[in-house]
C-alpha cells in the first residue's frame, strides 16, 4: 500500500504518541527513541535522544573539548548511511537529513529546562525496496553513552516495537 506524504506524517505522528504520552520520564540518559517508517521506496527514521545519550552532557558547551564534541556529533549525524545500515540489496541512499540541535544555538541562550534533546529525521530512497528487510543501527559504536534505543516500526507487515542494545542492534521486518 502506497501512502501519501500526508498519510506518512500522520502515521509517524501516531507512532510517536506513546513516547510523548510518557511525559517527563521519557527523557532518559543513555536511551533514545527511533520511529521507523517503510513506505514504498522510502525509509524514514526519526530519532529523539537526550543529548547526554550522545554527548555525555546536554548543556551548552562550556569548554573547547565540549565544543569539539558537539561539532563531531553533528558531523556524525550528517552521515546517516554510516549510522543506519539498511539491507544492502535494497540499495538505499540518503535523500534528506534534518537535525534540531539546541546546543548549536547561539551562546548565552538557555537550553530550556536543562534537558536538551536531539531531534533528527533521516530519509532514504531505496532503488530496490522489495529487498529492504532490516536496518542495523551503528549508533551504539558512534555514541558510547547510548545504551538502548526503543524502536517503533511501521512497515509492510504492520506496526511493531522493540528495544535495541549494543548486543542486538538490528531491527527486521
C-alpha atoms as a PDB file:
ATOM      1  CA  UNK A   1       0.000   0.000   0.000  1.00  0.00           C
ATOM      2  CA  UNK A   2       1.425   3.361  -1.058  1.00  0.00           C
ATOM      3  CA  UNK A   3       0.924   6.166   1.471  1.00  0.00           C
ATOM      4  CA  UNK A   4       0.787   9.818   0.559  1.00  0.00           C
ATOM      5  CA  UNK A   5       3.210  12.208   2.211  1.00  0.00           C
ATOM      6  CA  UNK A   6       0.382  13.474   4.432  1.00  0.00           C
ATOM      7  CA  UNK A   7      -0.621   9.949   5.463  1.00  0.00           C
ATOM      8  CA  UNK A   8       3.019   9.134   6.241  1.00  0.00           C
ATOM      9  CA  UNK A   9       3.262  12.189   8.526  1.00  0.00           C
ATOM     10  CA  UNK A  10       0.072  11.181  10.323  1.00  0.00           C
ATOM     11  CA  UNK A  11       1.459   7.654  10.730  1.00  0.00           C
ATOM     12  CA  UNK A  12       4.760   8.937  12.119  1.00  0.00           C
ATOM     13  CA  UNK A  13       2.911  11.262  14.491  1.00  0.00           C
ATOM     14  CA  UNK A  14       0.764   8.381  15.698  1.00  0.00           C
ATOM     15  CA  UNK A  15       3.850   6.254  16.267  1.00  0.00           C
ATOM     16  CA  UNK A  16       5.366   8.938  18.460  1.00  0.00           C
ATOM     17  CA  UNK A  17       2.275   9.351  20.658  1.00  0.00           C
ATOM     18  CA  UNK A  18       3.215   6.622  23.167  1.00  0.00           C
ATOM     19  CA  UNK A  19       6.604   8.261  23.708  1.00  0.00           C
ATOM     20  CA  UNK A  20       5.033  11.689  24.094  1.00  0.00           C
ATOM     21  CA  UNK A  21       2.430  10.313  26.463  1.00  0.00           C
ATOM     22  CA  UNK A  22       5.194   9.014  28.687  1.00  0.00           C
ATOM     23  CA  UNK A  23       5.824  12.623  29.720  1.00  0.00           C
ATOM     24  CA  UNK A  24       8.940  13.790  31.552  1.00  0.00           C
ATOM     25  CA  UNK A  25      10.060  10.238  32.297  1.00  0.00           C
ATOM     26  CA  UNK A  26      10.682   9.721  28.571  1.00  0.00           C
ATOM     27  CA  UNK A  27      13.892  11.782  28.863  1.00  0.00           C
ATOM     28  CA  UNK A  28      16.269   9.026  29.947  1.00  0.00           C
ATOM     29  CA  UNK A  29      20.025   9.387  29.695  1.00  0.00           C
ATOM     30  CA  UNK A  30      21.594   6.509  27.798  1.00  0.00           C
ATOM     31  CA  UNK A  31      18.385   5.924  25.852  1.00  0.00           C
ATOM     32  CA  UNK A  32      16.849   7.109  22.591  1.00  0.00           C
ATOM     33  CA  UNK A  33      13.606   6.733  20.672  1.00  0.00           C
ATOM     34  CA  UNK A  34      13.540   5.801  16.981  1.00  0.00           C
ATOM     35  CA  UNK A  35      10.481   5.784  14.734  1.00  0.00           C
ATOM     36  CA  UNK A  36      10.976   3.835  11.507  1.00  0.00           C
ATOM     37  CA  UNK A  37       8.541   4.117   8.589  1.00  0.00           C
ATOM     38  CA  UNK A  38       8.880   1.965   5.480  1.00  0.00           C
ATOM     39  CA  UNK A  39       6.625   3.191   2.681  1.00  0.00           C
ATOM     40  CA  UNK A  40       7.203   2.075  -0.883  1.00  0.00           C
ATOM     41  CA  UNK A  41      10.731   3.106  -1.809  1.00  0.00           C
ATOM     42  CA  UNK A  42      11.052   5.418   1.195  1.00  0.00           C
ATOM     43  CA  UNK A  43      12.694   4.630   4.536  1.00  0.00           C
ATOM     44  CA  UNK A  44      12.234   7.385   7.127  1.00  0.00           C
ATOM     45  CA  UNK A  45      13.874   7.322  10.552  1.00  0.00           C
ATOM     46  CA  UNK A  46      13.057   9.850  13.281  1.00  0.00           C
ATOM     47  CA  UNK A  47      15.487   9.855  16.184  1.00  0.00           C
ATOM     48  CA  UNK A  48      14.917  11.558  19.521  1.00  0.00           C
ATOM     49  CA  UNK A  49      17.654  11.336  22.130  1.00  0.00           C
ATOM     50  CA  UNK A  50      18.720  13.292  25.188  1.00  0.00           C
ATOM     51  CA  UNK A  51      21.977  14.972  24.274  1.00  0.00           C
ATOM     52  CA  UNK A  52      23.523  13.296  27.314  1.00  0.00           C
ATOM     53  CA  UNK A  53      22.980   9.968  25.493  1.00  0.00           C
ATOM     54  CA  UNK A  54      25.056  11.217  22.565  1.00  0.00           C
ATOM     55  CA  UNK A  55      27.497  13.684  24.115  1.00  0.00           C
ATOM     56  CA  UNK A  56      27.705  12.818  27.785  1.00  0.00           C
ATOM     57  CA  UNK A  57      26.300  16.296  28.588  1.00  0.00           C
ATOM     58  CA  UNK A  58      23.257  18.295  27.475  1.00  0.00           C
ATOM     59  CA  UNK A  59      24.042  21.871  28.439  1.00  0.00           C
ATOM     60  CA  UNK A  60      25.536  24.448  26.124  1.00  0.00           C
ATOM     61  CA  UNK A  61      29.199  23.582  25.543  1.00  0.00           C
ATOM     62  CA  UNK A  62      31.474  25.323  28.030  1.00  0.00           C
ATOM     63  CA  UNK A  63      34.927  24.111  27.089  1.00  0.00           C
ATOM     64  CA  UNK A  64      36.747  23.686  23.784  1.00  0.00           C
ATOM     65  CA  UNK A  65      36.546  19.919  24.312  1.00  0.00           C
ATOM     66  CA  UNK A  66      32.739  20.141  24.616  1.00  0.00           C
ATOM     67  CA  UNK A  67      32.531  22.406  21.539  1.00  0.00           C
ATOM     68  CA  UNK A  68      34.587  19.829  19.622  1.00  0.00           C
ATOM     69  CA  UNK A  69      32.277  17.033  20.841  1.00  0.00           C
ATOM     70  CA  UNK A  70      29.218  18.929  19.571  1.00  0.00           C
ATOM     71  CA  UNK A  71      30.859  19.515  16.175  1.00  0.00           C
ATOM     72  CA  UNK A  72      31.847  15.836  15.953  1.00  0.00           C
ATOM     73  CA  UNK A  73      28.323  14.724  16.899  1.00  0.00           C
ATOM     74  CA  UNK A  74      26.768  16.972  14.224  1.00  0.00           C
ATOM     75  CA  UNK A  75      29.250  15.724  11.601  1.00  0.00           C
ATOM     76  CA  UNK A  76      28.482  12.102  12.508  1.00  0.00           C
ATOM     77  CA  UNK A  77      24.704  12.626  12.401  1.00  0.00           C
ATOM     78  CA  UNK A  78      25.017  14.251   8.985  1.00  0.00           C
ATOM     79  CA  UNK A  79      26.325  10.912   7.652  1.00  0.00           C
ATOM     80  CA  UNK A  80      23.279   8.723   8.358  1.00  0.00           C
ATOM     81  CA  UNK A  81      24.276   5.994   5.898  1.00  0.00           C
ATOM     82  CA  UNK A  82      27.042   5.143   8.380  1.00  0.00           C
ATOM     83  CA  UNK A  83      24.629   5.114  11.354  1.00  0.00           C
ATOM     84  CA  UNK A  84      21.619   3.340   9.837  1.00  0.00           C
ATOM     85  CA  UNK A  85      22.660   0.490   7.555  1.00  0.00           C
ATOM     86  CA  UNK A  86      19.725  -0.772   5.518  1.00  0.00           C
ATOM     87  CA  UNK A  87      19.688  -4.151   3.779  1.00  0.00           C
ATOM     88  CA  UNK A  88      22.478  -3.738   1.187  1.00  0.00           C
ATOM     89  CA  UNK A  89      20.450  -5.392  -1.603  1.00  0.00           C
ATOM     90  CA  UNK A  90      17.803  -2.634  -1.265  1.00  0.00           C
ATOM     91  CA  UNK A  91      20.344  -0.042  -2.460  1.00  0.00           C
ATOM     92  CA  UNK A  92      19.104   2.745  -0.194  1.00  0.00           C
ATOM     93  CA  UNK A  93      20.633   6.221  -0.421  1.00  0.00           C
ATOM     94  CA  UNK A  94      20.213   9.249   1.832  1.00  0.00           C
ATOM     95  CA  UNK A  95      17.965  11.944   0.350  1.00  0.00           C
ATOM     96  CA  UNK A  96      17.388  14.212   3.377  1.00  0.00           C
ATOM     97  CA  UNK A  97      18.715  14.944   6.847  1.00  0.00           C
ATOM     98  CA  UNK A  98      17.069  17.355   9.304  1.00  0.00           C
ATOM     99  CA  UNK A  99      18.618  17.954  12.704  1.00  0.00           C
ATOM    100  CA  UNK A 100      17.379  20.042  15.621  1.00  0.00           C
ATOM    101  CA  UNK A 101      20.375  20.559  17.903  1.00  0.00           C
ATOM    102  CA  UNK A 102      19.752  23.061  20.702  1.00  0.00           C
ATOM    103  CA  UNK A 103      23.432  23.063  21.735  1.00  0.00           C
ATOM    104  CA  UNK A 104      24.295  24.654  18.400  1.00  0.00           C
ATOM    105  CA  UNK A 105      22.147  27.667  19.303  1.00  0.00           C
ATOM    106  CA  UNK A 106      23.829  30.996  19.896  1.00  0.00           C
ATOM    107  CA  UNK A 107      25.879  31.187  23.087  1.00  0.00           C
ATOM    108  CA  UNK A 108      24.026  32.653  26.016  1.00  0.00           C
ATOM    109  CA  UNK A 109      20.663  31.154  25.112  1.00  0.00           C
ATOM    110  CA  UNK A 110      19.223  28.819  27.702  1.00  0.00           C
ATOM    111  CA  UNK A 111      18.587  25.226  26.665  1.00  0.00           C
ATOM    112  CA  UNK A 112      15.069  25.170  28.112  1.00  0.00           C
ATOM    113  CA  UNK A 113      14.656  23.097  31.271  1.00  0.00           C
ATOM    114  CA  UNK A 114      18.225  21.779  31.163  1.00  0.00           C
ATOM    115  CA  UNK A 115      17.141  18.560  29.446  1.00  0.00           C
ATOM    116  CA  UNK A 116      18.085  19.157  25.836  1.00  0.00           C
ATOM    117  CA  UNK A 117      17.267  16.593  23.159  1.00  0.00           C
ATOM    118  CA  UNK A 118      18.355  15.909  19.630  1.00  0.00           C
ATOM    119  CA  UNK A 119      15.556  15.530  17.101  1.00  0.00           C
ATOM    120  CA  UNK A 120      16.688  14.121  13.791  1.00  0.00           C
ATOM    121  CA  UNK A 121      14.935  12.970  10.648  1.00  0.00           C
ATOM    122  CA  UNK A 122      16.784  10.798   8.145  1.00  0.00           C
ATOM    123  CA  UNK A 123      15.151   9.900   4.821  1.00  0.00           C
ATOM    124  CA  UNK A 124      16.471   7.235   2.466  1.00  0.00           C
ATOM    125  CA  UNK A 125      15.210   6.294  -1.005  1.00  0.00           C
ATOM    126  CA  UNK A 126      15.687   2.641  -1.975  1.00  0.00           C
ATOM    127  CA  UNK A 127      16.272   1.561  -5.583  1.00  0.00           C
ATOM    128  CA  UNK A 128      15.100  -1.992  -4.753  1.00  0.00           C
ATOM    129  CA  UNK A 129      12.524  -1.515  -1.971  1.00  0.00           C
ATOM    130  CA  UNK A 130      11.283  -5.109  -2.157  1.00  0.00           C
ATOM    131  CA  UNK A 131      14.721  -6.191  -0.890  1.00  0.00           C
ATOM    132  CA  UNK A 132      14.533  -3.933   2.192  1.00  0.00           C
ATOM    133  CA  UNK A 133      14.232  -6.257   5.194  1.00  0.00           C
ATOM    134  CA  UNK A 134      16.136  -4.630   8.055  1.00  0.00           C
ATOM    135  CA  UNK A 135      18.210  -1.769   9.393  1.00  0.00           C
ATOM    136  CA  UNK A 136      21.280  -2.162  11.567  1.00  0.00           C
ATOM    137  CA  UNK A 137      21.991   0.696  13.983  1.00  0.00           C
ATOM    138  CA  UNK A 138      25.611   1.750  14.221  1.00  0.00           C
ATOM    139  CA  UNK A 139      24.606   4.456  16.708  1.00  0.00           C
ATOM    140  CA  UNK A 140      25.977   2.495  19.653  1.00  0.00           C
ATOM    141  CA  UNK A 141      29.505   2.455  18.249  1.00  0.00           C
ATOM    142  CA  UNK A 142      29.317   6.136  17.275  1.00  0.00           C
ATOM    143  CA  UNK A 143      27.886   7.266  20.619  1.00  0.00           C
ATOM    144  CA  UNK A 144      29.234   5.199  23.556  1.00  0.00           C
ATOM    145  CA  UNK A 145      26.893   6.898  26.080  1.00  0.00           C
ATOM    146  CA  UNK A 146      23.929   5.357  24.228  1.00  0.00           C
ATOM    147  CA  UNK A 147      22.830   2.064  25.790  1.00  0.00           C
ATOM    148  CA  UNK A 148      19.348   1.411  24.373  1.00  0.00           C
ATOM    149  CA  UNK A 149      17.079   2.554  21.553  1.00  0.00           C
ATOM    150  CA  UNK A 150      13.332   1.967  21.753  1.00  0.00           C
ATOM    151  CA  UNK A 151      12.092   1.461  18.189  1.00  0.00           C
ATOM    152  CA  UNK A 152       8.600   1.773  16.768  1.00  0.00           C
ATOM    153  CA  UNK A 153       8.238   0.420  13.244  1.00  0.00           C
ATOM    154  CA  UNK A 154       5.509   0.998  10.677  1.00  0.00           C
ATOM    155  CA  UNK A 155       6.397  -1.286   7.816  1.00  0.00           C
ATOM    156  CA  UNK A 156       4.997  -3.510   5.113  1.00  0.00           C
ATOM    157  CA  UNK A 157       3.853  -6.065   7.715  1.00  0.00           C
ATOM    158  CA  UNK A 158       2.213  -3.568  10.055  1.00  0.00           C
ATOM    159  CA  UNK A 159       3.400  -1.966  13.260  1.00  0.00           C
ATOM    160  CA  UNK A 160       5.779  -3.340  15.839  1.00  0.00           C
ATOM    161  CA  UNK A 161       8.049  -2.179  18.625  1.00  0.00           C
ATOM    162  CA  UNK A 162      11.330  -3.414  20.029  1.00  0.00           C
ATOM    163  CA  UNK A 163      14.290  -2.335  22.120  1.00  0.00           C
ATOM    164  CA  UNK A 164      17.746  -2.360  20.560  1.00  0.00           C
ATOM    165  CA  UNK A 165      21.006  -2.535  22.501  1.00  0.00           C
ATOM    166  CA  UNK A 166      24.687  -2.714  21.554  1.00  0.00           C
ATOM    167  CA  UNK A 167      24.320  -6.519  21.623  1.00  0.00           C
ATOM    168  CA  UNK A 168      21.147  -6.537  19.475  1.00  0.00           C
ATOM    169  CA  UNK A 169      21.335  -3.561  17.121  1.00  0.00           C
ATOM    170  CA  UNK A 170      19.227  -4.722  14.164  1.00  0.00           C
ATOM    171  CA  UNK A 171      15.531  -4.265  13.512  1.00  0.00           C
ATOM    172  CA  UNK A 172      13.987  -6.629  10.965  1.00  0.00           C
ATOM    173  CA  UNK A 173      10.582  -6.921   9.356  1.00  0.00           C
END
